[in-house]
Every structure is written in structure tokens, then in C-alpha cells.
Amino acid sequence: MSISTKRGDDGTTGLLHGGRVRKDSARIETTGVIDEAQAALGLARAEVRGSRLDDELAGLERGLWVVMAEVATAPRNRRRLVAGATLVSEEMVDALERRVHELEASGTMPSEFVVPGQSRASAALDLARTVVRRAERKGVALSMGDGSQVVPYLNRLSDLCWLLARSSEQEHLTARAVRVKAPRAEA
């Protein structure tokens, strides 16, 4: 089976559980921005490979699969979605919120404006945050319907990305300070 089906050559694409829409529809535009957010998280994950953050970011990427599934489903087929697998659940939103509170309690909150780029990982997380915010705005414009947790999920995810970037910066600054203070060998 080839990825190139040619069915989209007419400018339409298929939705999950049936139906086709134009590729420039608000639903597909929103799905595309969520896909970009997932790729941006993947970039951040590549920067932290092997660290404790690696698994957390992989989990966030998987969460965006669920968001994309819900967004890529026509409202008439919403009843076919499964909470936590193809439908964003309140539990998913709550899990992000708990993690946000953990990071806030750990002292991750800076007291001044932040200039992104302290480290490659924090810059990648800030990029992911901005893409998630754009996805959130697209989700609001799409009007997902009563009970949808897509917008709250994206809202919490952007908060979490911001805090993870700040946490990553702190780790980078700590590691940098240790390297600077290390005694130099005499020649």
C-alpha cells in the first residue's frame, strides 16, 4: 500500500470515520497546525534525547494524536470517538494541569520576562509552545462543540511547554555554572 493514493489530487482529504472536506477547510487547517505542534515537540525531544524529559515529550506527542483524531472527525461522527484514544478526555486535561502545578511548585516560574534561546532545548520548547497556541486559536475558531476538551487541552499544553522551557533553561544554566566553576588543570 502506497502513501500516494492520488485521492487528494482534487483538493479534498478524508476525515476519520468517513467524509471528505476541502484541504483548506478550517478542520484540516486546525489538524495541520496540531501536526506542526507535534513536530515541534519532536524537535524539542531530539534535543533532550535520553533525559527524563524525553519520555514526557513523547507522551505529549502521543496526546496530540488524540487531539488530531478528534479534530479530524466530522461532528456527525463524534459519537464514534473513544475517550483517551480518539477523543480528548477531561482526564487528559487534568493530567496536564497537574504537571503544570508540579512545575510551578518547583520554582520554575521566572520573575521577569523571558527571552527564548537560553539553550537549544528551551528554544525548541518555546517554538512548540507558540505552535500549540496557534493550534488553540484555530480550535477556538473551529468551534469543536459542547463537551469538547480540545481547546482546554491545547491551553494547558501551551502552559506546560512554557514551564518545561523554563525548567530546561534552569538545568542548562546550572550545568553551565558547574562547567565554568570547575578547576582548570595546570599545564
N, C-alpha and C. Protein backbone atom coordinates (compact mmCIF):
# COMPACT_ATOMS: atom_id res chain seq x y z
N MET A 1 0.85 -1.18 0.00
CA MET A 1 0.00 0.00 0.00
C MET A 1 0.89 1.24 0.00
N SER A 2 0.62 2.15 -0.87
CA SER A 2 1.42 3.36 -1.03
C SER A 2 0.80 4.52 -0.26
N ILE A 3 1.66 5.41 0.22
CA ILE A 3 1.16 6.64 0.86
C ILE A 3 0.53 7.57 -0.17
N SER A 4 0.92 7.40 -1.43
CA SER A 4 0.40 8.23 -2.51
C SER A 4 -0.83 7.57 -3.13
N THR A 5 -2.01 7.99 -2.66
CA THR A 5 -3.26 7.39 -3.14
C THR A 5 -3.87 8.16 -4.30
N LYS A 6 -3.48 9.40 -4.46
CA LYS A 6 -3.98 10.31 -5.50
C LYS A 6 -5.42 10.76 -5.26
N ARG A 7 -6.03 10.28 -4.16
CA ARG A 7 -7.41 10.71 -3.89
C ARG A 7 -7.48 12.18 -3.53
N GLY A 8 -6.38 12.76 -3.05
CA GLY A 8 -6.36 14.17 -2.67
C GLY A 8 -6.04 15.11 -3.80
N ASP A 9 -5.83 14.56 -4.99
CA ASP A 9 -5.49 15.41 -6.13
C ASP A 9 -6.60 16.39 -6.49
N ASP A 10 -7.81 16.12 -6.05
CA ASP A 10 -8.92 17.04 -6.33
C ASP A 10 -9.04 18.14 -5.29
N GLY A 11 -8.08 18.18 -4.34
CA GLY A 11 -8.10 19.23 -3.32
C GLY A 11 -8.92 18.89 -2.10
N THR A 12 -9.28 17.61 -1.96
CA THR A 12 -10.03 17.18 -0.77
C THR A 12 -9.21 16.15 -0.01
N THR A 13 -9.62 15.91 1.23
CA THR A 13 -8.97 14.89 2.05
C THR A 13 -10.03 14.19 2.89
N GLY A 14 -9.73 12.96 3.27
CA GLY A 14 -10.68 12.17 4.05
C GLY A 14 -10.60 12.48 5.53
N LEU A 15 -11.75 12.38 6.19
CA LEU A 15 -11.85 12.56 7.63
C LEU A 15 -11.89 11.20 8.31
N LEU A 16 -11.52 11.19 9.58
CA LEU A 16 -11.62 9.98 10.37
C LEU A 16 -13.09 9.58 10.46
N HIS A 17 -13.39 8.33 10.29
CA HIS A 17 -14.76 7.79 10.33
C HIS A 17 -15.63 8.27 9.18
N GLY A 18 -15.00 8.69 8.09
CA GLY A 18 -15.75 8.98 6.88
C GLY A 18 -16.00 10.44 6.59
N GLY A 19 -16.23 10.69 5.33
CA GLY A 19 -16.48 12.04 4.83
C GLY A 19 -15.20 12.64 4.25
N ARG A 20 -15.39 13.60 3.37
CA ARG A 20 -14.27 14.31 2.75
C ARG A 20 -14.55 15.80 2.85
N VAL A 21 -13.48 16.55 2.99
CA VAL A 21 -13.58 18.01 3.03
C VAL A 21 -12.44 18.59 2.20
N ARG A 22 -12.59 19.85 1.87
CA ARG A 22 -11.51 20.54 1.16
C ARG A 22 -10.28 20.63 2.06
N LYS A 23 -9.11 20.58 1.45
CA LYS A 23 -7.87 20.63 2.20
C LYS A 23 -7.64 21.99 2.87
N ASP A 24 -8.35 23.00 2.41
CA ASP A 24 -8.21 24.32 3.04
C ASP A 24 -9.34 24.61 4.03
N SER A 25 -10.09 23.58 4.42
CA SER A 25 -11.17 23.78 5.40
C SER A 25 -10.58 24.09 6.77
N ALA A 26 -11.36 24.72 7.61
CA ALA A 26 -10.91 25.06 8.97
C ALA A 26 -10.53 23.81 9.75
N ARG A 27 -11.22 22.72 9.54
CA ARG A 27 -10.95 21.47 10.25
C ARG A 27 -9.56 20.94 9.87
N ILE A 28 -9.26 20.96 8.59
CA ILE A 28 -7.96 20.46 8.14
C ILE A 28 -6.85 21.44 8.50
N GLU A 29 -7.11 22.72 8.42
CA GLU A 29 -6.12 23.72 8.85
C GLU A 29 -5.78 23.53 10.32
N THR A 30 -6.78 23.30 11.15
CA THR A 30 -6.54 23.08 12.58
C THR A 30 -5.73 21.80 12.79
N THR A 31 -6.10 20.74 12.10
CA THR A 31 -5.36 19.48 12.21
C THR A 31 -3.91 19.69 11.78
N GLY A 32 -3.70 20.46 10.73
CA GLY A 32 -2.35 20.73 10.26
C GLY A 32 -1.50 21.48 11.28
N VAL A 33 -2.10 22.43 11.97
CA VAL A 33 -1.34 23.18 12.98
C VAL A 33 -1.02 22.27 14.17
N ILE A 34 -1.94 21.38 14.52
CA ILE A 34 -1.66 20.43 15.61
C ILE A 34 -0.53 19.50 15.18
N ASP A 35 -0.52 19.10 13.93
CA ASP A 35 0.56 18.27 13.40
C ASP A 35 1.90 19.03 13.51
N GLU A 36 1.90 20.32 13.20
CA GLU A 36 3.10 21.14 13.35
C GLU A 36 3.54 21.18 14.81
N ALA A 37 2.58 21.30 15.71
CA ALA A 37 2.91 21.32 17.15
C ALA A 37 3.57 20.01 17.55
N GLN A 38 3.05 18.92 17.04
CA GLN A 38 3.65 17.62 17.35
C GLN A 38 5.08 17.54 16.82
N ALA A 39 5.31 18.04 15.62
CA ALA A 39 6.66 18.04 15.06
C ALA A 39 7.59 18.94 15.87
N ALA A 40 7.08 20.08 16.34
CA ALA A 40 7.89 20.99 17.17
C ALA A 40 8.26 20.32 18.49
N LEU A 41 7.32 19.58 19.08
CA LEU A 41 7.65 18.82 20.29
C LEU A 41 8.69 17.75 19.97
N GLY A 42 8.61 17.17 18.78
CA GLY A 42 9.61 16.19 18.37
C GLY A 42 10.99 16.81 18.24
N LEU A 43 11.05 18.03 17.77
CA LEU A 43 12.33 18.74 17.70
C LEU A 43 12.89 18.95 19.10
N ALA A 44 12.04 19.38 20.02
CA ALA A 44 12.47 19.56 21.41
C ALA A 44 12.93 18.23 21.98
N ARG A 45 12.21 17.18 21.69
CA ARG A 45 12.55 15.85 22.20
C ARG A 45 13.91 15.40 21.67
N ALA A 46 14.21 15.71 20.42
CA ALA A 46 15.50 15.34 19.86
C ALA A 46 16.64 16.03 20.60
N GLU A 47 16.37 17.19 21.15
CA GLU A 47 17.38 17.95 21.90
C GLU A 47 17.62 17.38 23.30
N VAL A 48 16.66 16.64 23.81
CA VAL A 48 16.78 16.12 25.19
C VAL A 48 16.87 14.60 25.23
N ARG A 49 17.15 13.98 24.09
CA ARG A 49 17.18 12.53 23.97
C ARG A 49 17.94 11.90 25.14
N GLY A 50 17.32 10.92 25.77
CA GLY A 50 17.95 10.20 26.87
C GLY A 50 17.76 10.84 28.23
N SER A 51 17.17 12.03 28.28
CA SER A 51 16.96 12.69 29.57
C SER A 51 15.59 12.31 30.12
N ARG A 52 15.30 12.75 31.33
CA ARG A 52 13.99 12.48 31.93
C ARG A 52 12.86 13.13 31.13
N LEU A 53 13.19 14.19 30.40
CA LEU A 53 12.19 14.92 29.62
C LEU A 53 11.83 14.19 28.33
N ASP A 54 12.69 13.33 27.85
CA ASP A 54 12.47 12.59 26.60
C ASP A 54 11.13 11.85 26.63
N ASP A 55 10.90 11.04 27.65
CA ASP A 55 9.65 10.27 27.75
C ASP A 55 8.44 11.17 27.91
N GLU A 56 8.59 12.24 28.68
CA GLU A 56 7.46 13.16 28.88
C GLU A 56 7.04 13.80 27.56
N LEU A 57 8.01 14.23 26.77
CA LEU A 57 7.68 14.85 25.48
C LEU A 57 7.08 13.83 24.52
N ALA A 58 7.56 12.59 24.55
CA ALA A 58 6.96 11.55 23.71
C ALA A 58 5.50 11.36 24.09
N GLY A 59 5.20 11.39 25.38
CA GLY A 59 3.81 11.28 25.82
C GLY A 59 2.96 12.44 25.34
N LEU A 60 3.53 13.64 25.37
CA LEU A 60 2.79 14.81 24.88
C LEU A 60 2.54 14.71 23.37
N GLU A 61 3.52 14.18 22.65
CA GLU A 61 3.32 13.97 21.21
C GLU A 61 2.18 12.98 20.96
N ARG A 62 2.15 11.92 21.75
CA ARG A 62 1.06 10.93 21.60
C ARG A 62 -0.29 11.55 21.95
N GLY A 63 -0.30 12.44 22.94
CA GLY A 63 -1.54 13.13 23.28
C GLY A 63 -2.07 13.95 22.11
N LEU A 64 -1.17 14.50 21.33
CA LEU A 64 -1.61 15.29 20.17
C LEU A 64 -2.21 14.41 19.08
N TRP A 65 -1.86 13.11 19.04
CA TRP A 65 -2.55 12.20 18.12
C TRP A 65 -4.04 12.17 18.45
N VAL A 66 -4.34 12.12 19.74
CA VAL A 66 -5.75 12.08 20.18
C VAL A 66 -6.45 13.38 19.78
N VAL A 67 -5.77 14.50 19.98
CA VAL A 67 -6.35 15.80 19.61
C VAL A 67 -6.62 15.82 18.11
N MET A 68 -5.64 15.39 17.32
CA MET A 68 -5.83 15.39 15.86
C MET A 68 -6.98 14.48 15.44
N ALA A 69 -7.11 13.34 16.10
CA ALA A 69 -8.20 12.42 15.76
C ALA A 69 -9.56 13.08 15.98
N GLU A 70 -9.70 13.76 17.12
CA GLU A 70 -10.98 14.42 17.40
C GLU A 70 -11.25 15.54 16.40
N VAL A 71 -10.25 16.34 16.13
CA VAL A 71 -10.44 17.46 15.20
C VAL A 71 -10.72 16.95 13.78
N ALA A 72 -10.11 15.84 13.40
CA ALA A 72 -10.27 15.31 12.04
C ALA A 72 -11.50 14.43 11.88
N THR A 73 -12.44 14.56 12.79
CA THR A 73 -13.68 13.79 12.72
C THR A 73 -14.85 14.75 12.52
N ALA A 74 -15.69 14.45 11.55
CA ALA A 74 -16.88 15.27 11.30
C ALA A 74 -17.78 15.23 12.54
N PRO A 75 -18.42 16.34 12.86
CA PRO A 75 -19.30 16.37 14.04
C PRO A 75 -20.33 15.24 14.06
N ARG A 76 -20.83 14.85 12.92
CA ARG A 76 -21.85 13.78 12.88
C ARG A 76 -21.28 12.42 13.30
N ASN A 77 -19.96 12.27 13.27
CA ASN A 77 -19.32 11.01 13.64
C ASN A 77 -18.65 11.07 15.01
N ARG A 78 -18.81 12.16 15.72
CA ARG A 78 -18.19 12.34 17.02
C ARG A 78 -18.55 11.21 17.98
N ARG A 79 -19.73 10.69 17.90
CA ARG A 79 -20.20 9.61 18.79
C ARG A 79 -19.35 8.35 18.66
N ARG A 80 -18.60 8.24 17.57
CA ARG A 80 -17.77 7.05 17.33
C ARG A 80 -16.39 7.15 17.99
N LEU A 81 -16.08 8.30 18.55
CA LEU A 81 -14.77 8.50 19.15
C LEU A 81 -14.68 7.86 20.54
N VAL A 82 -13.47 7.50 20.93
CA VAL A 82 -13.22 6.81 22.20
C VAL A 82 -12.37 7.72 23.09
N ALA A 83 -12.89 8.02 24.28
CA ALA A 83 -12.18 8.90 25.21
C ALA A 83 -10.77 8.39 25.48
N GLY A 84 -9.81 9.29 25.35
CA GLY A 84 -8.41 8.97 25.62
C GLY A 84 -7.68 8.33 24.45
N ALA A 85 -8.43 7.90 23.43
CA ALA A 85 -7.80 7.27 22.26
C ALA A 85 -8.00 8.11 21.01
N THR A 86 -9.24 8.56 20.80
CA THR A 86 -9.55 9.41 19.64
C THR A 86 -10.37 10.62 20.05
N LEU A 87 -10.62 10.77 21.33
CA LEU A 87 -11.38 11.88 21.89
C LEU A 87 -10.65 12.39 23.12
N VAL A 88 -10.38 13.69 23.16
CA VAL A 88 -9.67 14.26 24.31
C VAL A 88 -10.59 14.18 25.53
N SER A 89 -10.08 13.58 26.60
CA SER A 89 -10.88 13.40 27.82
C SER A 89 -10.52 14.46 28.86
N GLU A 90 -11.42 14.64 29.80
CA GLU A 90 -11.14 15.55 30.92
C GLU A 90 -9.92 15.07 31.69
N GLU A 91 -9.74 13.76 31.79
CA GLU A 91 -8.58 13.20 32.50
C GLU A 91 -7.28 13.62 31.83
N MET A 92 -7.28 13.70 30.51
CA MET A 92 -6.08 14.15 29.80
C MET A 92 -5.77 15.60 30.14
N VAL A 93 -6.80 16.43 30.19
CA VAL A 93 -6.62 17.84 30.55
C VAL A 93 -6.14 17.94 31.99
N ASP A 94 -6.76 17.18 32.87
CA ASP A 94 -6.37 17.20 34.29
C ASP A 94 -4.92 16.78 34.49
N ALA A 95 -4.46 15.79 33.73
CA ALA A 95 -3.07 15.32 33.85
C ALA A 95 -2.10 16.45 33.47
N LEU A 96 -2.42 17.18 32.42
CA LEU A 96 -1.56 18.32 32.05
C LEU A 96 -1.57 19.38 33.14
N GLU A 97 -2.75 19.64 33.68
CA GLU A 97 -2.85 20.66 34.73
C GLU A 97 -2.06 20.27 35.97
N ARG A 98 -2.12 19.00 36.34
CA ARG A 98 -1.32 18.53 37.49
C ARG A 98 0.17 18.75 37.25
N ARG A 99 0.62 18.45 36.04
CA ARG A 99 2.04 18.63 35.72
C ARG A 99 2.41 20.11 35.75
N VAL A 100 1.53 20.97 35.26
CA VAL A 100 1.76 22.42 35.32
C VAL A 100 1.94 22.85 36.77
N HIS A 101 1.07 22.38 37.65
CA HIS A 101 1.16 22.75 39.07
C HIS A 101 2.44 22.21 39.71
N GLU A 102 2.86 21.00 39.31
CA GLU A 102 4.13 20.46 39.83
C GLU A 102 5.30 21.37 39.47
N LEU A 103 5.34 21.80 38.22
CA LEU A 103 6.44 22.65 37.78
C LEU A 103 6.37 24.02 38.44
N GLU A 104 5.18 24.55 38.60
CA GLU A 104 5.05 25.84 39.30
C GLU A 104 5.55 25.73 40.73
N ALA A 105 5.20 24.63 41.39
CA ALA A 105 5.61 24.43 42.79
C ALA A 105 7.11 24.22 42.92
N SER A 106 7.76 23.76 41.84
CA SER A 106 9.20 23.51 41.90
C SER A 106 10.03 24.76 41.72
N GLY A 107 9.36 25.89 41.54
CA GLY A 107 10.10 27.15 41.39
C GLY A 107 10.51 27.45 39.97
N THR A 108 9.81 26.88 39.01
CA THR A 108 10.14 27.08 37.61
C THR A 108 9.73 28.46 37.10
N MET A 109 8.85 29.13 37.79
CA MET A 109 8.31 30.41 37.33
C MET A 109 9.34 31.53 37.46
N PRO A 110 9.76 32.12 36.35
CA PRO A 110 10.68 33.26 36.44
C PRO A 110 9.94 34.51 36.90
N SER A 111 10.69 35.46 37.42
CA SER A 111 10.09 36.69 37.91
C SER A 111 10.22 37.83 36.91
N GLU A 112 10.77 37.56 35.74
CA GLU A 112 10.95 38.60 34.73
C GLU A 112 10.53 38.05 33.37
N PHE A 113 10.48 38.95 32.37
CA PHE A 113 10.17 38.50 31.02
C PHE A 113 11.25 37.54 30.54
N VAL A 114 10.86 36.63 29.70
CA VAL A 114 11.76 35.60 29.22
C VAL A 114 12.16 35.91 27.78
N VAL A 115 13.44 35.78 27.49
CA VAL A 115 13.94 35.87 26.13
C VAL A 115 14.32 34.45 25.71
N PRO A 116 13.56 33.83 24.81
CA PRO A 116 13.84 32.45 24.43
C PRO A 116 15.24 32.30 23.83
N GLY A 117 15.81 31.12 24.01
CA GLY A 117 17.07 30.80 23.39
C GLY A 117 18.22 30.55 24.34
N GLN A 118 17.93 30.38 25.61
CA GLN A 118 18.99 30.10 26.58
C GLN A 118 19.70 28.80 26.25
N SER A 119 18.93 27.85 25.72
CA SER A 119 19.50 26.58 25.27
C SER A 119 18.70 26.11 24.07
N ARG A 120 19.24 25.17 23.34
CA ARG A 120 18.52 24.64 22.17
C ARG A 120 17.22 23.96 22.59
N ALA A 121 17.25 23.23 23.70
CA ALA A 121 16.05 22.53 24.16
C ALA A 121 14.97 23.52 24.57
N SER A 122 15.34 24.55 25.33
CA SER A 122 14.33 25.52 25.76
C SER A 122 13.79 26.30 24.57
N ALA A 123 14.65 26.61 23.59
CA ALA A 123 14.18 27.31 22.39
C ALA A 123 13.19 26.44 21.61
N ALA A 124 13.49 25.15 21.50
CA ALA A 124 12.58 24.23 20.80
C ALA A 124 11.25 24.12 21.54
N LEU A 125 11.29 24.11 22.87
CA LEU A 125 10.04 24.06 23.65
C LEU A 125 9.25 25.36 23.49
N ASP A 126 9.94 26.49 23.42
CA ASP A 126 9.23 27.75 23.19
C ASP A 126 8.60 27.77 21.80
N LEU A 127 9.30 27.23 20.82
CA LEU A 127 8.72 27.12 19.48
C LEU A 127 7.47 26.24 19.53
N ALA A 128 7.57 25.10 20.20
CA ALA A 128 6.42 24.21 20.33
C ALA A 128 5.25 24.94 21.00
N ARG A 129 5.56 25.70 22.04
CA ARG A 129 4.51 26.45 22.75
C ARG A 129 3.78 27.39 21.81
N THR A 130 4.51 28.11 20.97
CA THR A 130 3.85 29.08 20.09
C THR A 130 2.99 28.37 19.04
N VAL A 131 3.44 27.21 18.58
CA VAL A 131 2.64 26.46 17.61
C VAL A 131 1.39 25.90 18.29
N VAL A 132 1.53 25.43 19.52
CA VAL A 132 0.36 24.94 20.27
C VAL A 132 -0.63 26.08 20.48
N ARG A 133 -0.16 27.27 20.77
CA ARG A 133 -1.06 28.43 20.95
C ARG A 133 -1.82 28.72 19.65
N ARG A 134 -1.12 28.60 18.51
CA ARG A 134 -1.80 28.82 17.24
C ARG A 134 -2.85 27.74 17.01
N ALA A 135 -2.52 26.50 17.37
CA ALA A 135 -3.50 25.41 17.25
C ALA A 135 -4.71 25.69 18.14
N GLU A 136 -4.45 26.22 19.33
CA GLU A 136 -5.55 26.57 20.24
C GLU A 136 -6.46 27.61 19.60
N ARG A 137 -5.86 28.64 19.01
CA ARG A 137 -6.68 29.68 18.36
C ARG A 137 -7.50 29.09 17.22
N LYS A 138 -6.89 28.20 16.44
CA LYS A 138 -7.63 27.54 15.35
C LYS A 138 -8.76 26.68 15.91
N GLY A 139 -8.51 26.01 17.03
CA GLY A 139 -9.53 25.19 17.67
C GLY A 139 -10.71 26.02 18.15
N VAL A 140 -10.41 27.19 18.69
CA VAL A 140 -11.49 28.10 19.12
C VAL A 140 -12.32 28.51 17.91
N ALA A 141 -11.66 28.87 16.82
CA ALA A 141 -12.37 29.30 15.61
C ALA A 141 -13.20 28.17 15.02
N LEU A 142 -12.73 26.94 15.19
CA LEU A 142 -13.43 25.78 14.64
C LEU A 142 -14.71 25.48 15.41
N SER A 143 -14.81 25.92 16.66
CA SER A 143 -15.99 25.64 17.49
C SER A 143 -16.24 24.13 17.54
N MET A 144 -15.43 23.44 18.31
CA MET A 144 -15.48 21.98 18.37
C MET A 144 -16.79 21.42 18.90
N GLY A 145 -17.55 22.20 19.61
CA GLY A 145 -18.84 21.71 20.08
C GLY A 145 -18.86 21.49 21.58
N ASP A 146 -20.06 21.32 22.09
CA ASP A 146 -20.25 21.12 23.53
C ASP A 146 -19.49 19.89 24.02
N GLY A 147 -18.83 20.07 25.12
CA GLY A 147 -18.15 18.95 25.75
C GLY A 147 -16.76 18.66 25.22
N SER A 148 -16.37 19.27 24.12
CA SER A 148 -15.04 19.01 23.59
C SER A 148 -13.98 19.57 24.54
N GLN A 149 -12.95 18.79 24.74
CA GLN A 149 -11.83 19.21 25.60
C GLN A 149 -10.60 19.60 24.78
N VAL A 150 -10.77 19.75 23.47
CA VAL A 150 -9.64 20.10 22.60
C VAL A 150 -9.02 21.43 23.01
N VAL A 151 -9.81 22.47 23.13
CA VAL A 151 -9.26 23.79 23.45
C VAL A 151 -8.66 23.82 24.86
N PRO A 152 -9.33 23.30 25.89
CA PRO A 152 -8.68 23.27 27.20
C PRO A 152 -7.37 22.47 27.19
N TYR A 153 -7.34 21.35 26.45
CA TYR A 153 -6.12 20.55 26.38
C TYR A 153 -4.99 21.37 25.77
N LEU A 154 -5.26 22.01 24.65
CA LEU A 154 -4.22 22.81 24.00
C LEU A 154 -3.79 23.98 24.88
N ASN A 155 -4.73 24.56 25.61
CA ASN A 155 -4.39 25.65 26.52
C ASN A 155 -3.43 25.18 27.60
N ARG A 156 -3.73 24.05 28.23
CA ARG A 156 -2.84 23.51 29.27
C ARG A 156 -1.51 23.07 28.69
N LEU A 157 -1.54 22.51 27.47
CA LEU A 157 -0.30 22.06 26.85
C LEU A 157 0.63 23.24 26.57
N SER A 158 0.09 24.35 26.13
CA SER A 158 0.96 25.51 25.89
C SER A 158 1.56 26.02 27.19
N ASP A 159 0.77 26.02 28.27
CA ASP A 159 1.31 26.40 29.58
C ASP A 159 2.44 25.45 29.97
N LEU A 160 2.21 24.16 29.77
CA LEU A 160 3.21 23.16 30.13
C LEU A 160 4.48 23.34 29.31
N CYS A 161 4.35 23.59 28.02
CA CYS A 161 5.54 23.81 27.18
C CYS A 161 6.34 25.00 27.68
N TRP A 162 5.65 26.06 28.09
CA TRP A 162 6.34 27.25 28.61
C TRP A 162 7.12 26.89 29.88
N LEU A 163 6.48 26.18 30.76
CA LEU A 163 7.14 25.80 32.01
C LEU A 163 8.28 24.80 31.77
N LEU A 164 8.10 23.88 30.85
CA LEU A 164 9.18 22.94 30.54
C LEU A 164 10.38 23.68 29.95
N ALA A 165 10.11 24.70 29.15
CA ALA A 165 11.21 25.50 28.59
C ALA A 165 11.96 26.22 29.71
N ARG A 166 11.22 26.76 30.67
CA ARG A 166 11.88 27.45 31.78
C ARG A 166 12.69 26.47 32.63
N SER A 167 12.14 25.30 32.86
CA SER A 167 12.83 24.27 33.62
C SER A 167 14.11 23.85 32.89
N SER A 168 14.00 23.69 31.58
CA SER A 168 15.16 23.32 30.77
C SER A 168 16.23 24.41 30.84
N GLU A 169 15.81 25.65 30.83
CA GLU A 169 16.77 26.76 30.96
C GLU A 169 17.50 26.70 32.29
N GLN A 170 16.77 26.43 33.35
CA GLN A 170 17.40 26.35 34.68
C GLN A 170 18.44 25.24 34.71
N GLU A 171 18.10 24.09 34.13
CA GLU A 171 19.05 22.98 34.08
C GLU A 171 20.28 23.36 33.27
N HIS A 172 20.07 24.07 32.15
CA HIS A 172 21.18 24.50 31.30
C HIS A 172 22.08 25.48 32.05
N LEU A 173 21.47 26.43 32.74
CA LEU A 173 22.27 27.42 33.48
C LEU A 173 23.04 26.76 34.61
N THR A 174 22.42 25.80 35.28
CA THR A 174 23.10 25.09 36.37
C THR A 174 24.30 24.30 35.81
N ALA A 175 24.09 23.58 34.72
CA ALA A 175 25.18 22.81 34.11
C ALA A 175 26.28 23.74 33.63
N ARG A 176 25.90 24.87 33.07
CA ARG A 176 26.89 25.84 32.58
C ARG A 176 27.69 26.41 33.73
N ALA A 177 27.03 26.73 34.84
CA ALA A 177 27.72 27.29 36.01
C ALA A 177 28.70 26.28 36.58
N VAL A 178 28.33 25.03 36.60
CA VAL A 178 29.22 23.99 37.12
C VAL A 178 30.46 23.88 36.23
N ARG A 179 30.26 23.94 34.91
CA ARG A 179 31.40 23.88 33.98
C ARG A 179 32.32 25.08 34.15
N VAL A 180 31.75 26.25 34.33
CA VAL A 180 32.55 27.47 34.48
C VAL A 180 33.36 27.43 35.76
N LYS A 181 32.79 26.89 36.84
CA LYS A 181 33.46 26.88 38.14
C LYS A 181 34.44 25.73 38.31
N ALA A 182 34.44 24.81 37.38
CA ALA A 182 35.33 23.65 37.51
C ALA A 182 36.77 24.11 37.47
N PRO A 183 37.62 23.56 38.34
CA PRO A 183 39.02 23.97 38.36
C PRO A 183 39.72 23.58 37.06
N ARG A 184 40.60 24.46 36.63
CA ARG A 184 41.35 24.18 35.40
C ARG A 184 42.63 23.45 35.75
N ALA A 185 42.99 22.55 34.92
CA ALA A 185 44.23 21.78 35.12
C ALA A 185 45.43 22.67 34.83
N GLU A 186 46.44 22.53 35.63
CA GLU A 186 47.69 23.29 35.42
C GLU A 186 48.47 22.63 34.30
N ALA A 187 49.09 23.43 33.46
CA ALA A 187 49.86 22.89 32.34
C ALA A 187 51.28 22.60 32.74
